[in-house]
Amino acid sequence: MDLKNRWVHFQIRDVYLPEPHNLLDALHGCDLLQGRVVETSDSGMQPGAFLVVEVEGIDQPVIVPVKRVLGAL
């Protein structure tokens, strides 16, 4: 089957180049996420520098620098 000039479907995880995390950053790097803070963490020297956040739809908590939080409810 000749696929040249055809539209195809595939999963991001199956992309060979660029690396999937680079592709996700290019597509969604500026998207805003919202989640519930479940813990704070230090940076070794600075207490409370990071937040551990549960985000709906993501299996494991994400860690975000406190200084990068854009707002809180």
C-alpha atoms as a PDB file:
ATOM      1  CA  MET A   1       0.000   0.000   0.000  1.00  0.00           C
ATOM      2  CA  ASP A   2       1.396   3.405  -0.958  1.00  0.00           C
ATOM      3  CA  LEU A   3       0.917   5.757   2.025  1.00  0.00           C
ATOM      4  CA  LYS A   4       2.652   8.802   0.585  1.00  0.00           C
ATOM      5  CA  ASN A   5       0.393  11.897   0.822  1.00  0.00           C
ATOM      6  CA  ARG A   6      -2.161   9.966   2.923  1.00  0.00           C
ATOM      7  CA  TRP A   7      -3.372  10.961   6.399  1.00  0.00           C
ATOM      8  CA  VAL A   8      -2.588   8.358   9.069  1.00  0.00           C
ATOM      9  CA  HIS A   9      -3.400   7.831  12.771  1.00  0.00           C
ATOM     10  CA  PHE A  10      -0.896   6.784  15.425  1.00  0.00           C
ATOM     11  CA  GLN A  11      -0.202   7.138  19.137  1.00  0.00           C
ATOM     12  CA  ILE A  12       2.295   9.686  20.457  1.00  0.00           C
ATOM     13  CA  ARG A  13       4.137   6.900  22.312  1.00  0.00           C
ATOM     14  CA  ASP A  14       4.926   5.270  18.946  1.00  0.00           C
ATOM     15  CA  VAL A  15       6.687   8.301  17.442  1.00  0.00           C
ATOM     16  CA  TYR A  16      10.349   7.544  16.760  1.00  0.00           C
ATOM     17  CA  LEU A  17      11.566  11.121  16.142  1.00  0.00           C
ATOM     18  CA  PRO A  18      11.309  13.615  17.752  1.00  0.00           C
ATOM     19  CA  GLU A  19      11.284  11.959  21.163  1.00  0.00           C
ATOM     20  CA  PRO A  20       7.713  11.663  22.505  1.00  0.00           C
ATOM     21  CA  HIS A  21       8.370  14.000  25.455  1.00  0.00           C
ATOM     22  CA  ASN A  22       9.627  16.698  23.036  1.00  0.00           C
ATOM     23  CA  LEU A  23       6.543  16.225  20.889  1.00  0.00           C
ATOM     24  CA  LEU A  24       4.243  16.521  23.903  1.00  0.00           C
ATOM     25  CA  ASP A  25       6.045  19.668  25.007  1.00  0.00           C
ATOM     26  CA  ALA A  26       5.633  21.222  21.541  1.00  0.00           C
ATOM     27  CA  LEU A  27       1.931  20.314  21.388  1.00  0.00           C
ATOM     28  CA  HIS A  28       0.868  20.864  24.995  1.00  0.00           C
ATOM     29  CA  GLY A  29       3.725  22.519  26.884  1.00  0.00           C
ATOM     30  CA  CYS A  30       1.662  25.655  27.568  1.00  0.00           C
ATOM     31  CA  ASP A  31      -1.551  23.847  28.544  1.00  0.00           C
ATOM     32  CA  LEU A  32      -2.704  24.571  32.090  1.00  0.00           C
ATOM     33  CA  LEU A  33      -3.249  21.709  34.527  1.00  0.00           C
ATOM     34  CA  GLN A  34      -5.178  21.831  37.773  1.00  0.00           C
ATOM     35  CA  GLY A  35      -4.811  19.507  40.714  1.00  0.00           C
ATOM     36  CA  ARG A  36      -4.953  19.090  44.475  1.00  0.00           C
ATOM     37  CA  VAL A  37      -1.794  19.575  46.531  1.00  0.00           C
ATOM     38  CA  VAL A  38      -1.212  16.446  48.624  1.00  0.00           C
ATOM     39  CA  GLU A  39       2.259  17.225  49.974  1.00  0.00           C
ATOM     40  CA  THR A  40       5.100  19.730  49.921  1.00  0.00           C
ATOM     41  CA  SER A  41       8.730  18.818  49.434  1.00  0.00           C
ATOM     42  CA  ASP A  42      12.049  20.553  49.877  1.00  0.00           C
ATOM     43  CA  SER A  43      14.879  21.075  47.421  1.00  0.00           C
ATOM     44  CA  GLY A  44      17.460  19.868  49.912  1.00  0.00           C
ATOM     45  CA  MET A  45      18.229  23.343  51.160  1.00  0.00           C
ATOM     46  CA  GLN A  46      14.930  25.167  50.705  1.00  0.00           C
ATOM     47  CA  PRO A  47      11.899  23.750  52.561  1.00  0.00           C
ATOM     48  CA  GLY A  48       8.579  23.679  50.697  1.00  0.00           C
ATOM     49  CA  ALA A  49      10.121  24.444  47.307  1.00  0.00           C
ATOM     50  CA  PHE A  50       8.014  21.839  45.479  1.00  0.00           C
ATOM     51  CA  LEU A  51       4.405  20.689  45.542  1.00  0.00           C
ATOM     52  CA  VAL A  52       3.213  17.132  45.049  1.00  0.00           C
ATOM     53  CA  VAL A  53      -0.055  17.450  43.122  1.00  0.00           C
ATOM     54  CA  GLU A  54      -2.725  14.901  42.164  1.00  0.00           C
ATOM     55  CA  VAL A  55      -4.135  15.693  38.713  1.00  0.00           C
ATOM     56  CA  GLU A  56      -7.268  13.958  37.464  1.00  0.00           C
ATOM     57  CA  GLY A  57      -6.446  11.670  34.543  1.00  0.00           C
ATOM     58  CA  ILE A  58      -2.756  11.286  35.448  1.00  0.00           C
ATOM     59  CA  ASP A  59      -1.904   8.038  37.252  1.00  0.00           C
ATOM     60  CA  GLN A  60       0.857   9.354  39.488  1.00  0.00           C
ATOM     61  CA  PRO A  61       1.227  12.672  41.311  1.00  0.00           C
ATOM     62  CA  VAL A  62       3.210  15.400  39.569  1.00  0.00           C
ATOM     63  CA  ILE A  63       5.877  17.525  41.251  1.00  0.00           C
ATOM     64  CA  VAL A  64       5.818  21.242  40.507  1.00  0.00           C
ATOM     65  CA  PRO A  65       8.064  24.051  41.794  1.00  0.00           C
ATOM     66  CA  VAL A  66       6.014  26.354  44.033  1.00  0.00           C
ATOM     67  CA  LYS A  67       7.356  29.404  42.170  1.00  0.00           C
ATOM     68  CA  ARG A  68       5.756  28.084  38.913  1.00  0.00           C
ATOM     69  CA  VAL A  69       2.204  27.893  40.346  1.00  0.00           C
ATOM     70  CA  LEU A  70       0.029  30.451  38.559  1.00  0.00           C
ATOM     71  CA  GLY A  71      -2.814  30.535  41.077  1.00  0.00           C
ATOM     72  CA  ALA A  72      -4.635  28.658  43.813  1.00  0.00           C
ATOM     73  CA  LEU A  73      -8.296  28.105  44.633  1.00  0.00           C
END
